[in-house]
Amino acid sequence: MQVIRLSRIAGQGLERALGTASSGGAGQITISKTFTMTSDQNQTFTINKAGLFNASSGGTLVAVALINNPPTLQAGDSIIINWQININ
């Protein structure tokens, strides 16, 4: 299971969610998820980091990344998170 989480945001369409895995060739896997913010028009969230977990709740944090120039999202905005994993 590949689960992606944005910062520590609960709800608003930005909570932990299942990503889609695809093969990019020998030893390469990409896990992708598009998040769309669903909060009211007056709320904004700055996305500072993303995490990759092995379970939909609890589980192990497999990877975490700080986001350079973090975007601020408001209702209706989307962000795509891609994790590329190379296995040698």
N, C-alpha and C. Protein backbone atom coordinates (compact mmCIF):
# COMPACT_ATOMS: atom_id res chain seq x y z
N MET A 1 0.84 -1.18 0.00
CA MET A 1 0.00 0.00 0.00
C MET A 1 0.89 1.24 0.00
N GLN A 2 0.56 2.20 -0.83
CA GLN A 2 1.31 3.45 -0.90
C GLN A 2 0.36 4.58 -0.52
N VAL A 3 0.60 5.20 0.61
CA VAL A 3 -0.28 6.24 1.10
C VAL A 3 0.51 7.53 1.22
N ILE A 4 -0.02 8.59 0.70
CA ILE A 4 0.65 9.89 0.71
C ILE A 4 -0.09 10.82 1.66
N ARG A 5 0.67 11.58 2.41
CA ARG A 5 0.08 12.55 3.33
C ARG A 5 0.77 13.90 3.13
N LEU A 6 -0.03 14.96 3.17
CA LEU A 6 0.50 16.32 3.08
C LEU A 6 0.54 16.91 4.48
N SER A 7 1.71 17.34 4.90
CA SER A 7 1.88 17.95 6.21
C SER A 7 1.08 17.19 7.26
N ARG A 8 0.46 17.87 8.20
CA ARG A 8 -0.40 17.23 9.21
C ARG A 8 -1.81 17.78 9.10
N ILE A 9 -2.30 17.85 7.90
CA ILE A 9 -3.61 18.43 7.65
C ILE A 9 -4.66 17.32 7.68
N ALA A 10 -5.68 17.53 8.49
CA ALA A 10 -6.80 16.58 8.54
C ALA A 10 -7.99 17.22 7.83
N GLY A 11 -8.59 16.49 6.93
CA GLY A 11 -9.74 17.02 6.20
C GLY A 11 -9.34 17.99 5.12
N GLN A 12 -10.25 18.78 4.67
CA GLN A 12 -10.06 19.77 3.62
C GLN A 12 -9.64 19.15 2.29
N GLY A 13 -9.75 17.80 2.15
CA GLY A 13 -9.33 17.14 0.92
C GLY A 13 -7.84 16.89 0.85
N LEU A 14 -7.12 17.22 1.93
CA LEU A 14 -5.65 17.10 1.93
C LEU A 14 -5.14 16.03 2.89
N GLU A 15 -6.05 15.19 3.40
CA GLU A 15 -5.65 14.17 4.36
C GLU A 15 -4.94 12.99 3.67
N ARG A 16 -4.40 12.10 4.47
CA ARG A 16 -3.70 10.92 3.98
C ARG A 16 -4.59 10.16 3.00
N ALA A 17 -4.04 9.79 1.85
CA ALA A 17 -4.84 9.12 0.81
C ALA A 17 -3.98 8.16 0.01
N LEU A 18 -4.63 7.17 -0.57
CA LEU A 18 -3.95 6.16 -1.37
C LEU A 18 -3.45 6.76 -2.68
N GLY A 19 -2.18 6.51 -2.99
CA GLY A 19 -1.60 6.97 -4.25
C GLY A 19 -1.69 5.89 -5.30
N THR A 20 -1.43 6.25 -6.53
CA THR A 20 -1.43 5.31 -7.64
C THR A 20 0.02 4.98 -7.99
N ALA A 21 0.33 3.68 -8.02
CA ALA A 21 1.69 3.24 -8.33
C ALA A 21 1.79 2.84 -9.80
N SER A 22 2.90 3.20 -10.42
CA SER A 22 3.16 2.79 -11.80
C SER A 22 4.65 2.51 -11.94
N SER A 23 4.97 1.67 -12.91
CA SER A 23 6.37 1.30 -13.16
C SER A 23 6.95 2.22 -14.22
N GLY A 24 8.14 2.73 -13.93
CA GLY A 24 8.82 3.59 -14.89
C GLY A 24 9.94 2.84 -15.60
N GLY A 25 9.96 1.53 -15.46
CA GLY A 25 11.02 0.72 -16.05
C GLY A 25 11.64 -0.14 -14.99
N ALA A 26 12.73 -0.79 -15.34
CA ALA A 26 13.40 -1.72 -14.43
C ALA A 26 13.85 -1.00 -13.16
N GLY A 27 13.33 -1.44 -12.02
CA GLY A 27 13.76 -0.90 -10.74
C GLY A 27 13.23 0.48 -10.40
N GLN A 28 12.24 0.97 -11.15
CA GLN A 28 11.71 2.30 -10.88
C GLN A 28 10.19 2.25 -10.68
N ILE A 29 9.74 2.86 -9.58
CA ILE A 29 8.31 2.93 -9.27
C ILE A 29 7.97 4.40 -8.98
N THR A 30 6.86 4.86 -9.52
CA THR A 30 6.36 6.20 -9.22
C THR A 30 5.03 6.06 -8.51
N ILE A 31 4.89 6.77 -7.40
CA ILE A 31 3.63 6.81 -6.66
C ILE A 31 3.12 8.23 -6.72
N SER A 32 1.88 8.39 -7.18
CA SER A 32 1.33 9.71 -7.47
C SER A 32 -0.03 9.89 -6.83
N LYS A 33 -0.31 11.13 -6.42
CA LYS A 33 -1.63 11.46 -5.88
C LYS A 33 -1.90 12.94 -6.13
N THR A 34 -3.10 13.24 -6.63
CA THR A 34 -3.56 14.62 -6.78
C THR A 34 -4.48 14.93 -5.61
N PHE A 35 -4.17 15.98 -4.89
CA PHE A 35 -5.00 16.44 -3.77
C PHE A 35 -5.69 17.72 -4.21
N THR A 36 -6.99 17.84 -3.92
CA THR A 36 -7.74 19.05 -4.22
C THR A 36 -8.34 19.58 -2.91
N MET A 37 -8.05 20.82 -2.61
CA MET A 37 -8.51 21.41 -1.36
C MET A 37 -10.01 21.71 -1.43
N THR A 38 -10.73 21.32 -0.39
CA THR A 38 -12.19 21.45 -0.38
C THR A 38 -12.71 22.36 0.74
N SER A 39 -11.84 23.08 1.41
CA SER A 39 -12.28 23.92 2.52
C SER A 39 -13.08 25.12 2.02
N ASP A 40 -13.58 25.92 2.96
CA ASP A 40 -14.34 27.10 2.55
C ASP A 40 -13.41 28.14 1.92
N GLN A 41 -14.00 29.11 1.29
CA GLN A 41 -13.25 30.11 0.51
C GLN A 41 -12.27 30.95 1.33
N ASN A 42 -12.46 31.05 2.64
CA ASN A 42 -11.61 31.91 3.45
C ASN A 42 -10.41 31.21 4.06
N GLN A 43 -10.30 29.89 3.90
CA GLN A 43 -9.18 29.16 4.49
C GLN A 43 -8.09 28.92 3.46
N THR A 44 -6.84 29.02 3.92
CA THR A 44 -5.70 28.65 3.09
C THR A 44 -4.78 27.75 3.90
N PHE A 45 -4.05 26.89 3.22
CA PHE A 45 -3.06 26.03 3.86
C PHE A 45 -1.78 26.09 3.05
N THR A 46 -0.67 26.23 3.74
CA THR A 46 0.64 26.16 3.10
C THR A 46 1.14 24.74 3.24
N ILE A 47 1.53 24.14 2.12
CA ILE A 47 1.98 22.75 2.10
C ILE A 47 3.50 22.75 2.24
N ASN A 48 3.99 22.38 3.43
CA ASN A 48 5.42 22.43 3.73
C ASN A 48 6.15 21.11 3.51
N LYS A 49 5.42 20.01 3.64
CA LYS A 49 6.07 18.70 3.47
C LYS A 49 5.07 17.66 3.06
N ALA A 50 5.58 16.56 2.54
CA ALA A 50 4.76 15.42 2.14
C ALA A 50 5.40 14.16 2.69
N GLY A 51 4.58 13.20 3.07
CA GLY A 51 5.09 11.94 3.60
C GLY A 51 4.52 10.77 2.83
N LEU A 52 5.28 9.69 2.82
CA LEU A 52 4.86 8.44 2.18
C LEU A 52 4.78 7.38 3.27
N PHE A 53 3.60 6.79 3.44
CA PHE A 53 3.35 5.79 4.47
C PHE A 53 3.04 4.44 3.85
N ASN A 54 3.11 3.39 4.67
CA ASN A 54 2.78 2.05 4.18
C ASN A 54 1.41 1.59 4.67
N ALA A 55 0.59 2.48 5.24
CA ALA A 55 -0.74 2.14 5.71
C ALA A 55 -1.63 3.38 5.70
N SER A 56 -2.95 3.16 5.61
CA SER A 56 -3.88 4.29 5.55
C SER A 56 -4.03 5.00 6.89
N SER A 57 -3.71 4.32 7.98
CA SER A 57 -3.63 4.97 9.30
C SER A 57 -2.56 4.25 10.09
N GLY A 58 -1.89 4.97 10.98
CA GLY A 58 -0.76 4.36 11.68
C GLY A 58 0.31 4.02 10.67
N GLY A 59 0.84 2.82 10.75
CA GLY A 59 1.84 2.38 9.79
C GLY A 59 3.19 3.04 9.99
N THR A 60 4.04 2.87 9.00
CA THR A 60 5.41 3.39 9.05
C THR A 60 5.58 4.51 8.04
N LEU A 61 6.22 5.59 8.48
CA LEU A 61 6.58 6.67 7.57
C LEU A 61 7.80 6.19 6.79
N VAL A 62 7.62 5.93 5.50
CA VAL A 62 8.67 5.38 4.65
C VAL A 62 9.60 6.49 4.14
N ALA A 63 9.02 7.65 3.83
CA ALA A 63 9.81 8.77 3.31
C ALA A 63 9.09 10.07 3.64
N VAL A 64 9.87 11.13 3.78
CA VAL A 64 9.31 12.47 3.99
C VAL A 64 10.15 13.46 3.20
N ALA A 65 9.49 14.48 2.68
CA ALA A 65 10.20 15.51 1.91
C ALA A 65 9.68 16.88 2.29
N LEU A 66 10.62 17.79 2.53
CA LEU A 66 10.25 19.19 2.71
C LEU A 66 10.07 19.80 1.34
N ILE A 67 9.09 20.65 1.16
CA ILE A 67 8.79 21.24 -0.14
C ILE A 67 9.42 22.63 -0.22
N ASN A 68 10.34 22.78 -1.18
CA ASN A 68 10.94 24.10 -1.41
C ASN A 68 9.89 25.04 -1.98
N ASN A 69 9.92 26.30 -1.59
CA ASN A 69 8.93 27.27 -2.04
C ASN A 69 7.51 26.70 -1.88
N PRO A 70 7.12 26.40 -0.64
CA PRO A 70 5.83 25.73 -0.41
C PRO A 70 4.64 26.54 -0.94
N PRO A 71 3.76 25.86 -1.66
CA PRO A 71 2.57 26.54 -2.19
C PRO A 71 1.52 26.74 -1.10
N THR A 72 0.73 27.78 -1.24
CA THR A 72 -0.41 28.02 -0.38
C THR A 72 -1.66 27.73 -1.19
N LEU A 73 -2.48 26.80 -0.70
CA LEU A 73 -3.68 26.39 -1.41
C LEU A 73 -4.92 26.99 -0.77
N GLN A 74 -5.91 27.26 -1.60
CA GLN A 74 -7.22 27.66 -1.13
C GLN A 74 -8.25 26.77 -1.82
N ALA A 75 -9.51 26.91 -1.47
CA ALA A 75 -10.57 26.05 -1.99
C ALA A 75 -10.49 25.91 -3.50
N GLY A 76 -10.53 24.66 -3.97
CA GLY A 76 -10.50 24.38 -5.41
C GLY A 76 -9.11 24.19 -5.99
N ASP A 77 -8.06 24.59 -5.28
CA ASP A 77 -6.69 24.40 -5.76
C ASP A 77 -6.29 22.94 -5.63
N SER A 78 -5.44 22.49 -6.54
CA SER A 78 -4.93 21.12 -6.51
C SER A 78 -3.41 21.12 -6.48
N ILE A 79 -2.87 20.05 -5.93
CA ILE A 79 -1.43 19.82 -5.94
C ILE A 79 -1.20 18.35 -6.24
N ILE A 80 -0.21 18.08 -7.09
CA ILE A 80 0.15 16.69 -7.43
C ILE A 80 1.44 16.37 -6.71
N ILE A 81 1.44 15.27 -5.96
CA ILE A 81 2.63 14.79 -5.28
C ILE A 81 3.08 13.51 -5.98
N ASN A 82 4.33 13.48 -6.43
CA ASN A 82 4.92 12.30 -7.06
C ASN A 82 6.11 11.84 -6.25
N TRP A 83 6.14 10.57 -5.92
CA TRP A 83 7.30 9.95 -5.29
C TRP A 83 7.91 9.01 -6.31
N GLN A 84 9.17 9.19 -6.62
CA GLN A 84 9.87 8.28 -7.53
C GLN A 84 10.85 7.46 -6.71
N ILE A 85 10.72 6.17 -6.78
CA ILE A 85 11.55 5.25 -6.01
C ILE A 85 12.37 4.42 -6.98
N ASN A 86 13.69 4.46 -6.81
CA ASN A 86 14.59 3.67 -7.64
C ASN A 86 15.20 2.56 -6.80
N ILE A 87 15.10 1.34 -7.29
CA ILE A 87 15.64 0.18 -6.59
C ILE A 87 16.79 -0.40 -7.41
N ASN A 88 17.95 -0.48 -6.80
CA ASN A 88 19.11 -1.03 -7.51
C ASN A 88 19.39 -2.42 -7.02
